[in-house]
Amino acid sequence: MRTWELQKLKQAKNQYFTRCGFEDDGRRTRELALMRGAFTCAFRSAGTLMELGKILTRDHSSIVHSIKVHESRLMYRDYRHFYKVACQVRDELDIDVMEKVDLKSYENEITRLNDMVSELVKYKELYLTLKKTFDEF
């Protein structure tokens, strides 16, 4: 995990809840659920689902749900307020946006690692052959 970025996300979460006048104590009240959802959507590009879940002490399925219902929640004034505050905190703290996934670089890395594994398998077979030869003496 990206320790420095996660620290900034935790700081952003604490500042966000403080600015809204609430404390995230894990309860499932309407206000806290809306606040977590607004934070999730405002900071969606700053971390993975698992990272956001860890910051908010929820699992990734809760994060996915928050993202899915974001558009429909925007009709509620209190949710819009929470979302606006979360976006302000994000912009003030200058949270880095995760780079978009570059599938080609991942494919190249997988190919490189597969080649390395193949080479190691050859060395393992050579080692076992030599060991068997020396054991016979």
C-alpha atoms as a PDB file:
ATOM      1  CA  MET A   1       0.000   0.000   0.000  1.00  0.00           C
ATOM      2  CA  ARG A   2       0.982   3.598  -0.522  1.00  0.00           C
ATOM      3  CA  THR A   3       1.661   4.664   3.048  1.00  0.00           C
ATOM      4  CA  TRP A   4       2.149   8.379   2.465  1.00  0.00           C
ATOM      5  CA  GLU A   5      -1.001   8.752   0.365  1.00  0.00           C
ATOM      6  CA  LEU A   6      -3.040   6.754   2.860  1.00  0.00           C
ATOM      7  CA  GLN A   7      -1.862   9.055   5.648  1.00  0.00           C
ATOM      8  CA  LYS A   8      -3.063  12.033   3.611  1.00  0.00           C
ATOM      9  CA  LEU A   9      -6.410  10.304   3.063  1.00  0.00           C
ATOM     10  CA  LYS A  10      -6.776   9.678   6.816  1.00  0.00           C
ATOM     11  CA  GLN A  11      -5.941  13.315   7.478  1.00  0.00           C
ATOM     12  CA  ALA A  12      -8.514  14.370   4.872  1.00  0.00           C
ATOM     13  CA  LYS A  13     -11.167  12.130   6.457  1.00  0.00           C
ATOM     14  CA  ASN A  14     -10.521  13.545   9.925  1.00  0.00           C
ATOM     15  CA  GLN A  15     -10.581  17.120   8.653  1.00  0.00           C
ATOM     16  CA  TYR A  16     -13.769  16.430   6.685  1.00  0.00           C
ATOM     17  CA  PHE A  17     -15.667  14.966   9.637  1.00  0.00           C
ATOM     18  CA  THR A  18     -14.458  17.752  11.915  1.00  0.00           C
ATOM     19  CA  ARG A  19     -15.501  20.431   9.439  1.00  0.00           C
ATOM     20  CA  CYS A  20     -18.950  18.857   9.156  1.00  0.00           C
ATOM     21  CA  GLY A  21     -19.262  18.707  12.944  1.00  0.00           C
ATOM     22  CA  PHE A  22     -19.412  14.936  13.290  1.00  0.00           C
ATOM     23  CA  GLU A  23     -17.183  12.165  14.566  1.00  0.00           C
ATOM     24  CA  ASP A  24     -16.985   8.898  12.644  1.00  0.00           C
ATOM     25  CA  ASP A  25     -17.566   6.479  15.484  1.00  0.00           C
ATOM     26  CA  GLY A  26     -18.722   3.633  13.234  1.00  0.00           C
ATOM     27  CA  ARG A  27     -22.424   4.079  13.831  1.00  0.00           C
ATOM     28  CA  ARG A  28     -24.832   3.558  10.938  1.00  0.00           C
ATOM     29  CA  THR A  29     -26.854   6.734  11.324  1.00  0.00           C
ATOM     30  CA  ARG A  30     -28.188   8.434   8.223  1.00  0.00           C
ATOM     31  CA  GLU A  31     -25.878  11.437   8.537  1.00  0.00           C
ATOM     32  CA  LEU A  32     -22.745   9.346   8.990  1.00  0.00           C
ATOM     33  CA  ALA A  33     -23.697   7.026   6.119  1.00  0.00           C
ATOM     34  CA  LEU A  34     -24.254  10.013   3.835  1.00  0.00           C
ATOM     35  CA  MET A  35     -20.988  11.575   4.950  1.00  0.00           C
ATOM     36  CA  ARG A  36     -19.044   8.390   4.267  1.00  0.00           C
ATOM     37  CA  GLY A  37     -20.691   8.117   0.861  1.00  0.00           C
ATOM     38  CA  ALA A  38     -19.895  11.726  -0.010  1.00  0.00           C
ATOM     39  CA  PHE A  39     -16.282  11.267   1.111  1.00  0.00           C
ATOM     40  CA  THR A  40     -16.013   8.108  -0.972  1.00  0.00           C
ATOM     41  CA  CYS A  41     -17.231   9.807  -4.136  1.00  0.00           C
ATOM     42  CA  ALA A  42     -15.132  12.930  -3.629  1.00  0.00           C
ATOM     43  CA  PHE A  43     -11.961  10.888  -3.060  1.00  0.00           C
ATOM     44  CA  ARG A  44     -12.743   8.025  -5.464  1.00  0.00           C
ATOM     45  CA  SER A  45      -9.845   8.857  -7.758  1.00  0.00           C
ATOM     46  CA  ALA A  46      -7.399   9.116  -4.849  1.00  0.00           C
ATOM     47  CA  GLY A  47      -7.432   5.473  -3.846  1.00  0.00           C
ATOM     48  CA  THR A  48      -8.642   1.985  -4.552  1.00  0.00           C
ATOM     49  CA  LEU A  49     -11.912   0.604  -3.225  1.00  0.00           C
ATOM     50  CA  MET A  50     -10.012  -1.360  -0.586  1.00  0.00           C
ATOM     51  CA  GLU A  51      -7.977   1.686   0.490  1.00  0.00           C
ATOM     52  CA  LEU A  52     -11.069   3.874   0.802  1.00  0.00           C
ATOM     53  CA  GLY A  53     -12.789   1.106   2.716  1.00  0.00           C
ATOM     54  CA  LYS A  54      -9.857   0.855   5.103  1.00  0.00           C
ATOM     55  CA  ILE A  55      -9.875   4.608   5.691  1.00  0.00           C
ATOM     56  CA  LEU A  56     -13.627   4.583   6.405  1.00  0.00           C
ATOM     57  CA  THR A  57     -13.555   1.236   8.285  1.00  0.00           C
ATOM     58  CA  ARG A  58     -15.927  -0.328   5.772  1.00  0.00           C
ATOM     59  CA  ASP A  59     -15.413  -3.112   3.271  1.00  0.00           C
ATOM     60  CA  HIS A  60     -15.115  -2.493  -0.443  1.00  0.00           C
ATOM     61  CA  SER A  61     -18.726  -3.495  -1.148  1.00  0.00           C
ATOM     62  CA  SER A  62     -19.925  -0.549   0.946  1.00  0.00           C
ATOM     63  CA  ILE A  63     -17.661   1.697  -1.096  1.00  0.00           C
ATOM     64  CA  VAL A  64     -19.068   0.284  -4.348  1.00  0.00           C
ATOM     65  CA  HIS A  65     -22.603   0.900  -3.075  1.00  0.00           C
ATOM     66  CA  SER A  66     -21.750   4.516  -2.198  1.00  0.00           C
ATOM     67  CA  ILE A  67     -20.458   5.087  -5.706  1.00  0.00           C
ATOM     68  CA  LYS A  68     -23.541   3.510  -7.302  1.00  0.00           C
ATOM     69  CA  VAL A  69     -26.045   5.626  -5.362  1.00  0.00           C
ATOM     70  CA  HIS A  70     -24.083   8.892  -5.609  1.00  0.00           C
ATOM     71  CA  GLU A  71     -26.176  10.348  -8.453  1.00  0.00           C
ATOM     72  CA  SER A  72     -29.480   9.590  -6.735  1.00  0.00           C
ATOM     73  CA  ARG A  73     -28.256  10.983  -3.406  1.00  0.00           C
ATOM     74  CA  LEU A  74     -27.379  14.319  -4.986  1.00  0.00           C
ATOM     75  CA  MET A  75     -31.063  15.311  -4.794  1.00  0.00           C
ATOM     76  CA  TYR A  76     -30.745  15.496  -0.989  1.00  0.00           C
ATOM     77  CA  ARG A  77     -29.556  18.867   0.279  1.00  0.00           C
ATOM     78  CA  ASP A  78     -27.568  17.458   3.212  1.00  0.00           C
ATOM     79  CA  TYR A  79     -25.758  14.988   0.942  1.00  0.00           C
ATOM     80  CA  ARG A  80     -24.913  17.772  -1.525  1.00  0.00           C
ATOM     81  CA  HIS A  81     -23.506  19.786   1.391  1.00  0.00           C
ATOM     82  CA  PHE A  82     -21.396  16.853   2.609  1.00  0.00           C
ATOM     83  CA  TYR A  83     -20.140  16.209  -0.921  1.00  0.00           C
ATOM     84  CA  LYS A  84     -19.254  19.873  -1.409  1.00  0.00           C
ATOM     85  CA  VAL A  85     -17.285  19.931   1.862  1.00  0.00           C
ATOM     86  CA  ALA A  86     -15.492  16.705   0.914  1.00  0.00           C
ATOM     87  CA  CYS A  87     -14.507  18.189  -2.462  1.00  0.00           C
ATOM     88  CA  GLN A  88     -13.243  21.334  -0.722  1.00  0.00           C
ATOM     89  CA  VAL A  89     -11.106  19.269   1.653  1.00  0.00           C
ATOM     90  CA  ARG A  90      -9.770  17.238  -1.287  1.00  0.00           C
ATOM     91  CA  ASP A  91      -8.834  20.381  -3.190  1.00  0.00           C
ATOM     92  CA  GLU A  92      -7.293  22.123  -0.157  1.00  0.00           C
ATOM     93  CA  LEU A  93      -5.098  19.163   0.763  1.00  0.00           C
ATOM     94  CA  ASP A  94      -4.081  18.643  -2.856  1.00  0.00           C
ATOM     95  CA  ILE A  95      -4.637  14.887  -2.704  1.00  0.00           C
ATOM     96  CA  ASP A  96      -2.856  13.176  -5.585  1.00  0.00           C
ATOM     97  CA  VAL A  97      -5.070  11.366  -8.004  1.00  0.00           C
ATOM     98  CA  MET A  98      -4.101   7.788  -8.696  1.00  0.00           C
ATOM     99  CA  GLU A  99      -2.650   7.320 -12.121  1.00  0.00           C
ATOM    100  CA  LYS A 100      -4.932   5.620 -14.596  1.00  0.00           C
ATOM    101  CA  VAL A 101      -4.212   1.947 -15.084  1.00  0.00           C
ATOM    102  CA  ASP A 102      -1.877   1.377 -18.006  1.00  0.00           C
ATOM    103  CA  LEU A 103      -2.744  -2.143 -19.127  1.00  0.00           C
ATOM    104  CA  LYS A 104       0.130  -2.342 -21.609  1.00  0.00           C
ATOM    105  CA  SER A 105       2.717  -1.709 -18.882  1.00  0.00           C
ATOM    106  CA  TYR A 106       1.079  -4.397 -16.727  1.00  0.00           C
ATOM    107  CA  GLU A 107       1.145  -6.836 -19.641  1.00  0.00           C
ATOM    108  CA  ASN A 108       4.837  -6.083 -20.195  1.00  0.00           C
ATOM    109  CA  GLU A 109       5.565  -6.602 -16.501  1.00  0.00           C
ATOM    110  CA  ILE A 110       3.692  -9.920 -16.485  1.00  0.00           C
ATOM    111  CA  THR A 111       5.633 -11.072 -19.559  1.00  0.00           C
ATOM    112  CA  ARG A 112       8.915 -10.086 -17.916  1.00  0.00           C
ATOM    113  CA  LEU A 113       8.021 -11.947 -14.719  1.00  0.00           C
ATOM    114  CA  ASN A 114       6.909 -15.039 -16.648  1.00  0.00           C
ATOM    115  CA  ASP A 115      10.248 -15.058 -18.470  1.00  0.00           C
ATOM    116  CA  MET A 116      12.042 -14.815 -15.146  1.00  0.00           C
ATOM    117  CA  VAL A 117      10.002 -17.720 -13.745  1.00  0.00           C
ATOM    118  CA  SER A 118      10.838 -19.839 -16.808  1.00  0.00           C
ATOM    119  CA  GLU A 119      14.523 -19.127 -16.352  1.00  0.00           C
ATOM    120  CA  LEU A 120      14.353 -19.993 -12.667  1.00  0.00           C
ATOM    121  CA  VAL A 121      12.603 -23.283 -13.486  1.00  0.00           C
ATOM    122  CA  LYS A 122      15.488 -24.159 -15.814  1.00  0.00           C
ATOM    123  CA  TYR A 123      18.000 -23.409 -13.051  1.00  0.00           C
ATOM    124  CA  LYS A 124      15.990 -25.493 -10.615  1.00  0.00           C
ATOM    125  CA  GLU A 125      15.986 -28.461 -13.009  1.00  0.00           C
ATOM    126  CA  LEU A 126      19.730 -28.077 -13.560  1.00  0.00           C
ATOM    127  CA  TYR A 127      20.308 -27.912  -9.802  1.00  0.00           C
ATOM    128  CA  LEU A 128      18.233 -31.049  -9.171  1.00  0.00           C
ATOM    129  CA  THR A 129      20.089 -32.922 -11.952  1.00  0.00           C
ATOM    130  CA  LEU A 130      23.469 -31.934 -10.512  1.00  0.00           C
ATOM    131  CA  LYS A 131      22.363 -32.789  -6.980  1.00  0.00           C
ATOM    132  CA  LYS A 132      21.178 -36.223  -8.099  1.00  0.00           C
ATOM    133  CA  THR A 133      24.495 -36.786  -9.901  1.00  0.00           C
ATOM    134  CA  PHE A 134      26.541 -35.855  -6.834  1.00  0.00           C
ATOM    135  CA  ASP A 135      24.352 -37.886  -4.507  1.00  0.00           C
ATOM    136  CA  GLU A 136      25.114 -40.991  -6.547  1.00  0.00           C
ATOM    137  CA  PHE A 137      28.853 -40.654  -5.838  1.00  0.00           C
END
